[in-house]
Structures are given as structure tokens and as C-alpha cells.
């Protein structure tokens, strides 16, 4: 059974306040039955340096991907991972991490891909928790024994594959969340070619974040996206999927965009494929 929504008045401005929690809410609920706290970091060692009490670790790059296929886990391994971590389908899962929650949002996106109903993000992640001088622990919780049935593929933030994206160019609202230098090709991305997908809007993923990494109020958050249609099919990409997942979370959960997909192959895939159209400007 899902836990109650954080009553923080600022979060009530968001389209889906049930998708965000504050550090004060999490501190009050840590250890409650039905709540699982997950840390997902870009730096896999952050967890070892201290983590929120009762939090488990999911390393997004090591545990949520299939290294041979360069793809997200398929349904059966995902269900096994959830069981190994002690997460049941009915649990409220709160995810946080470093790097302004980029990889935390990626982990949340994958969980929603597989239909986990109650997934929330800790506003501001590790930095917000530590910045309030809240407790960090070094103990490693023992996961509960649970059952997680193999899910059908459902999603809040849907996934766009490269073939469909290529075929639908010109009919989609594209958002490139990388830096302006990566967008215009003046900065090397590490791919064979640099630039951006034709027609994309460049809105860097940290455009509306506070210096602490917390989300801004709804009105401030809306400003960089004012020229976008919240009801148009919208595809978000970056270099490898994490930052795009973060922006997808903002568009859906904070601003209420109704049709958002993540192209998680992103520039790592597009910029290395033969024959893909690329713009530089």
C-alpha cells in the first residue's frame, strides 16, 4: 500500500506531487514498513562513504543494464534484481543519488518501464540530505525476502528506439538536454560525429535546478520549456540516457507533459551510426 504524499506546500504546485519527497518527509518515514529507500549514483563508491539510514544501493550502470546487448535489463532479470534488493511490487520506493539525481531518475525511469507503481525522487538527492546535516550511516541493510513477479512492459516515461525515432523525424518534439557546445558540435562528444538530431531544441538538463540540485518551483521550472507544447509527442535525449531521464521526470512529474518518451540510446548511438542525419548550428 502506497504511503501518503509529502504535504510540502511547494511540491503541491507540481503536476504530480506524489512523485517527489523532501528530506524532512523521508527522515520521518525511513524504516517504515512498505518503504524502500534506494541510492543510485554515477559514482558507485558514494554509498560506501555514508548513506541514508535503511537505504540499499542499486548501481544503474552495473545492475540495470545488460553488458552484452548494451540495453536495459529484460523483464526476468529485472524481477530477480528487485527480489535480490528486497523490493516488492507494492512498496513505495524513494530513490536518490549524486549528480543532482541524474542516475536516480534513470533508475526510477526503468522501474516505471516495468510498471512499478509508486516510485518517488528525493528532491535534491544526496546533497540535499547532507546539506541539512541529516544522518548518514555505514551499515548495510539485509534485504527482506520478497517475491517480484516478472512484469509486463508498461511505463510512465516511455522508451523510444532509434528506428522509430528516425522514421518519425519531423513529427516529434525533440529536446536535447546536453550542453550548448555538444549540441552545436563545437565540443567533442566522444562519438564518431558531433552535432544534434535535426529539429531538436537545446534545453540543458540543469536549466531550472537550484544550485543545491533541488527542483525549482513550478513557475521557474516551466520557463525554459515555454515554447514546447505539453501535449505534443516529446522525445528527450542526451549522451547516454541518464540526463534525458531526469528531464523526462521534470516534464512529466513537475510540469504535466502528457506524452514524453526517452531516447536512451541518445547521442552515443545516434552519433556513431552510419547515415543518420545530423545538424550543427
Protein backbone atom coordinates (compact mmCIF):
# COMPACT_ATOMS: atom_id res chain seq x y z
CA UNK A 1 0.00 0.00 0.00
CA UNK A 2 1.44 3.38 -1.02
CA UNK A 3 2.47 5.79 1.69
CA UNK A 4 0.89 9.23 1.97
CA UNK A 5 2.02 12.08 -0.24
CA UNK A 6 4.54 14.56 1.12
CA UNK A 7 2.46 17.60 2.19
CA UNK A 8 5.26 20.08 1.40
CA UNK A 9 3.34 23.08 0.05
CA UNK A 10 5.91 23.89 -2.65
CA UNK A 11 5.58 20.43 -4.14
CA UNK A 12 1.81 20.75 -4.36
CA UNK A 13 2.41 23.13 -7.29
CA UNK A 14 3.75 20.24 -9.37
CA UNK A 15 1.57 18.22 -11.71
CA UNK A 16 2.34 15.03 -9.77
CA UNK A 17 3.42 15.91 -6.22
CA UNK A 18 3.16 12.22 -5.38
CA UNK A 19 6.38 11.65 -7.35
CA UNK A 20 8.62 13.88 -5.18
CA UNK A 21 9.55 13.82 -1.48
CA UNK A 22 11.52 16.22 0.69
CA UNK A 23 14.35 15.28 3.02
CA UNK A 24 12.13 16.02 6.02
CA UNK A 25 9.42 13.64 4.77
CA UNK A 26 11.96 10.90 4.12
CA UNK A 27 13.59 11.33 7.53
CA UNK A 28 10.19 10.95 9.19
CA UNK A 29 9.35 7.79 7.23
CA UNK A 30 12.70 5.97 6.98
CA UNK A 31 12.35 2.47 8.39
CA UNK A 32 8.59 2.27 7.90
CA UNK A 33 7.13 -0.93 6.55
CA UNK A 34 6.38 -0.65 2.85
CA UNK A 35 9.08 1.95 2.16
CA UNK A 36 12.32 1.09 0.38
CA UNK A 37 14.99 3.77 0.01
CA UNK A 38 17.38 3.32 -2.92
CA UNK A 39 20.63 5.13 -3.64
CA UNK A 40 21.68 5.24 -7.31
CA UNK A 41 24.84 7.16 -8.08
CA UNK A 42 27.08 7.97 -11.01
CA UNK A 43 29.95 7.27 -8.58
CA UNK A 44 29.44 3.75 -7.26
CA UNK A 45 31.53 4.45 -4.15
CA UNK A 46 29.36 7.27 -2.79
CA UNK A 47 27.14 4.79 -0.97
CA UNK A 48 30.16 3.39 0.90
CA UNK A 49 31.02 6.87 2.17
CA UNK A 50 27.72 7.05 4.05
CA UNK A 51 24.08 6.70 3.04
CA UNK A 52 20.59 7.43 4.30
CA UNK A 53 19.54 5.01 7.07
CA UNK A 54 17.99 1.78 5.67
CA UNK A 55 18.94 2.71 2.07
CA UNK A 56 20.02 -0.04 -0.30
CA UNK A 57 22.19 0.50 -3.36
CA UNK A 58 21.30 -0.08 -6.99
CA UNK A 59 24.18 0.74 -9.31
CA UNK A 60 22.42 1.82 -12.53
CA UNK A 61 25.29 1.15 -14.92
CA UNK A 62 26.33 -2.18 -13.39
CA UNK A 63 22.97 -3.62 -12.32
CA UNK A 64 20.31 -2.17 -14.63
CA UNK A 65 21.99 -2.90 -17.95
CA UNK A 66 22.83 -5.96 -20.00
CA UNK A 67 26.52 -5.54 -20.87
CA UNK A 68 26.39 -7.82 -23.89
CA UNK A 69 23.37 -6.20 -25.53
CA UNK A 70 24.11 -2.63 -24.30
CA UNK A 71 20.50 -2.42 -23.28
CA UNK A 72 18.40 -2.17 -20.14
CA UNK A 73 17.64 -5.38 -18.29
CA UNK A 74 14.89 -7.50 -19.74
CA UNK A 75 11.86 -8.34 -17.59
CA UNK A 76 13.04 -11.55 -15.91
CA UNK A 77 16.44 -10.22 -14.74
CA UNK A 78 14.73 -7.04 -13.58
CA UNK A 79 12.30 -9.03 -11.41
CA UNK A 80 15.21 -11.03 -9.99
CA UNK A 81 17.09 -7.81 -9.18
CA UNK A 82 14.05 -6.46 -7.32
CA UNK A 83 13.84 -9.67 -5.30
CA UNK A 84 17.56 -9.54 -4.52
CA UNK A 85 17.16 -5.96 -3.29
CA UNK A 86 14.12 -6.76 -1.16
CA UNK A 87 11.70 -4.66 -3.21
CA UNK A 88 8.15 -5.93 -3.64
CA UNK A 89 5.68 -4.59 -6.23
CA UNK A 90 3.56 -2.87 -3.56
CA UNK A 91 6.45 -0.98 -1.95
CA UNK A 92 6.84 2.78 -2.08
CA UNK A 93 10.35 3.29 -3.49
CA UNK A 94 12.19 6.58 -2.90
CA UNK A 95 15.33 6.99 -4.99
CA UNK A 96 18.13 9.49 -4.54
CA UNK A 97 21.71 9.89 -5.71
CA UNK A 98 24.61 12.13 -6.58
CA UNK A 99 24.97 14.34 -9.67
CA UNK A 100 21.68 16.15 -8.99
CA UNK A 101 19.77 12.85 -9.14
CA UNK A 102 20.52 12.15 -12.82
CA UNK A 103 21.10 8.42 -12.30
CA UNK A 104 18.41 8.27 -9.61
CA UNK A 105 15.91 9.46 -12.22
CA UNK A 106 17.27 6.87 -14.65
CA UNK A 107 16.67 4.12 -12.09
CA UNK A 108 13.17 5.46 -11.47
CA UNK A 109 12.53 5.54 -15.23
CA UNK A 110 13.47 1.87 -15.61
CA UNK A 111 11.31 0.87 -12.65
CA UNK A 112 8.38 2.66 -14.27
CA UNK A 113 9.15 0.93 -17.55
CA UNK A 114 8.33 -2.28 -15.74
CA UNK A 115 5.19 -0.97 -14.09
CA UNK A 116 6.30 -0.32 -10.52
CA UNK A 117 3.50 1.95 -9.39
CA UNK A 118 4.93 4.07 -6.56
CA UNK A 119 8.38 5.43 -7.36
CA UNK A 120 9.44 8.80 -5.95
CA UNK A 121 12.52 11.02 -6.13
CA UNK A 122 14.15 12.68 -3.12
CA UNK A 123 14.32 16.35 -4.07
CA UNK A 124 17.99 17.33 -4.22
CA UNK A 125 19.34 13.83 -3.68
CA UNK A 126 22.44 13.14 -1.57
CA UNK A 127 23.44 16.78 -1.46
CA UNK A 128 20.08 17.90 -0.09
CA UNK A 129 20.18 15.27 2.65
CA UNK A 130 23.78 16.01 3.62
CA UNK A 131 23.26 19.76 3.30
CA UNK A 132 20.66 19.58 6.06
CA UNK A 133 23.20 17.70 8.20
CA UNK A 134 20.99 14.65 8.41
CA UNK A 135 22.32 11.28 9.49
CA UNK A 136 24.42 9.13 7.19
CA UNK A 137 25.19 5.54 8.15
CA UNK A 138 27.69 2.91 7.06
CA UNK A 139 25.72 -0.25 7.83
CA UNK A 140 24.44 -2.41 5.01
CA UNK A 141 20.79 -3.44 5.43
CA UNK A 142 19.82 -7.05 4.83
CA UNK A 143 17.14 -7.15 2.09
CA UNK A 144 13.79 -8.69 3.02
CA UNK A 145 12.70 -11.88 1.34
CA UNK A 146 10.10 -10.90 -1.23
CA UNK A 147 8.54 -12.10 -4.45
CA UNK A 148 8.51 -9.90 -7.56
CA UNK A 149 6.60 -11.42 -10.50
CA UNK A 150 8.09 -10.97 -13.94
CA UNK A 151 6.42 -7.75 -15.14
CA UNK A 152 4.84 -6.88 -18.41
CA UNK A 153 6.45 -3.86 -20.06
CA UNK A 154 4.45 -0.80 -19.08
CA UNK A 155 5.68 2.71 -18.48
CA UNK A 156 5.09 6.25 -17.34
CA UNK A 157 8.12 7.57 -19.20
CA UNK A 158 8.08 5.51 -22.38
CA UNK A 159 11.10 4.49 -24.39
CA UNK A 160 11.95 5.47 -27.96
CA UNK A 161 14.17 3.22 -30.06
CA UNK A 162 16.38 4.58 -32.81
CA UNK A 163 14.45 3.10 -35.73
CA UNK A 164 11.16 4.64 -34.68
CA UNK A 165 12.83 7.96 -33.93
CA UNK A 166 14.43 8.05 -37.37
CA UNK A 167 11.15 7.20 -39.07
CA UNK A 168 9.23 9.87 -37.15
CA UNK A 169 11.65 12.77 -37.54
CA UNK A 170 9.72 15.93 -38.29
CA UNK A 171 6.64 14.81 -36.36
CA UNK A 172 8.16 14.78 -32.89
CA UNK A 173 9.10 17.48 -30.40
CA UNK A 174 12.78 16.75 -29.68
CA UNK A 175 14.64 18.00 -26.61
CA UNK A 176 18.44 17.72 -26.46
CA UNK A 177 19.46 18.23 -22.83
CA UNK A 178 23.24 18.34 -23.39
CA UNK A 179 25.44 21.43 -23.18
CA UNK A 180 25.27 24.04 -25.98
CA UNK A 181 28.75 23.01 -27.12
CA UNK A 182 27.73 19.39 -27.56
CA UNK A 183 24.53 20.49 -29.26
CA UNK A 184 26.22 22.67 -31.90
CA UNK A 185 29.13 20.28 -32.43
CA UNK A 186 31.84 22.63 -31.18
CA UNK A 187 32.56 20.33 -28.23
CA UNK A 188 33.64 16.72 -28.75
CA UNK A 189 31.09 14.19 -27.53
CA UNK A 190 33.21 11.08 -27.92
CA UNK A 191 31.02 9.83 -30.76
CA UNK A 192 32.18 9.47 -34.37
CA UNK A 193 30.27 12.64 -35.33
CA UNK A 194 29.15 15.67 -33.34
CA UNK A 195 26.10 17.91 -33.52
CA UNK A 196 22.44 17.22 -32.82
CA UNK A 197 19.39 15.47 -34.22
CA UNK A 198 17.64 17.75 -36.74
CA UNK A 199 14.82 19.77 -35.26
CA UNK A 200 15.89 19.38 -31.64
CA UNK A 201 15.52 22.12 -29.02
CA UNK A 202 18.58 22.57 -26.81
CA UNK A 203 17.49 22.86 -23.15
CA UNK A 204 20.34 21.73 -20.87
CA UNK A 205 19.12 19.38 -18.14
CA UNK A 206 20.17 21.61 -15.24
CA UNK A 207 18.43 24.70 -16.66
CA UNK A 208 15.94 25.02 -13.82
CA UNK A 209 17.70 23.29 -10.94
CA UNK A 210 18.74 25.23 -7.88
CA UNK A 211 22.50 25.28 -7.08
CA UNK A 212 21.77 22.64 -4.42
CA UNK A 213 20.38 20.31 -7.08
CA UNK A 214 16.82 20.72 -5.82
CA UNK A 215 13.95 21.31 -8.19
CA UNK A 216 12.75 24.88 -8.53
CA UNK A 217 9.16 25.98 -8.06
CA UNK A 218 6.72 25.13 -10.83
CA UNK A 219 6.74 28.58 -12.45
CA UNK A 220 10.55 28.77 -12.63
CA UNK A 221 10.72 25.20 -13.91
CA UNK A 222 8.23 25.96 -16.67
CA UNK A 223 10.14 28.89 -18.18
CA UNK A 224 12.79 27.08 -20.32
CA UNK A 225 10.05 24.83 -21.73
CA UNK A 226 7.58 27.63 -22.50
CA UNK A 227 7.94 27.16 -26.27
CA UNK A 228 7.13 23.46 -26.08
CA UNK A 229 3.65 22.00 -26.44
CA UNK A 230 2.90 19.96 -23.30
CA UNK A 231 0.55 17.70 -25.26
CA UNK A 232 2.76 17.04 -28.29
CA UNK A 233 4.75 13.78 -28.58
CA UNK A 234 8.05 14.74 -26.95
CA UNK A 235 11.33 12.81 -27.11
CA UNK A 236 14.22 13.63 -24.78
CA UNK A 237 17.84 12.59 -25.33
CA UNK A 238 21.34 13.29 -24.01
CA UNK A 239 24.56 11.31 -24.38
CA UNK A 240 23.60 8.07 -22.66
CA UNK A 241 20.10 8.26 -21.16
CA UNK A 242 20.53 9.42 -17.55
CA UNK A 243 20.18 13.17 -18.03
CA UNK A 244 17.35 12.63 -20.50
CA UNK A 245 15.53 10.59 -17.85
CA UNK A 246 15.97 13.49 -15.42
CA UNK A 247 14.39 15.95 -17.86
CA UNK A 248 11.62 13.49 -18.68
CA UNK A 249 10.85 13.37 -14.96
CA UNK A 250 10.66 17.17 -14.87
CA UNK A 251 8.40 17.34 -17.92
CA UNK A 252 6.00 14.65 -16.72
CA UNK A 253 6.01 14.80 -12.95
CA UNK A 254 6.56 18.51 -12.36
CA UNK A 255 5.03 20.13 -15.46
CA UNK A 256 2.42 17.58 -16.52
CA UNK A 257 3.53 16.89 -20.10
CA UNK A 258 1.31 14.09 -21.32
CA UNK A 259 3.37 12.27 -23.97
CA UNK A 260 7.07 12.01 -23.10
CA UNK A 261 9.49 9.35 -24.25
CA UNK A 262 13.20 8.88 -23.56
CA UNK A 263 15.60 8.03 -26.35
CA UNK A 264 18.13 6.37 -24.05
CA UNK A 265 20.39 5.29 -26.92
CA UNK A 266 20.92 9.04 -27.21
CA UNK A 267 23.97 10.58 -28.88
CA UNK A 268 26.18 7.58 -28.07
CA UNK A 269 24.05 5.63 -30.52
CA UNK A 270 22.95 8.30 -33.00
CA UNK A 271 26.38 9.92 -33.38
CA UNK A 272 28.04 6.56 -34.10
CA UNK A 273 25.55 5.20 -36.64
CA UNK A 274 26.17 5.38 -40.37
CA UNK A 275 23.83 7.56 -42.40
CA UNK A 276 21.97 9.33 -39.57
CA UNK A 277 21.09 12.98 -40.30
CA UNK A 278 22.91 15.48 -38.10
CA UNK A 279 22.69 19.26 -37.78
CA UNK A 280 25.32 21.67 -36.48
CA UNK A 281 24.27 25.19 -35.55
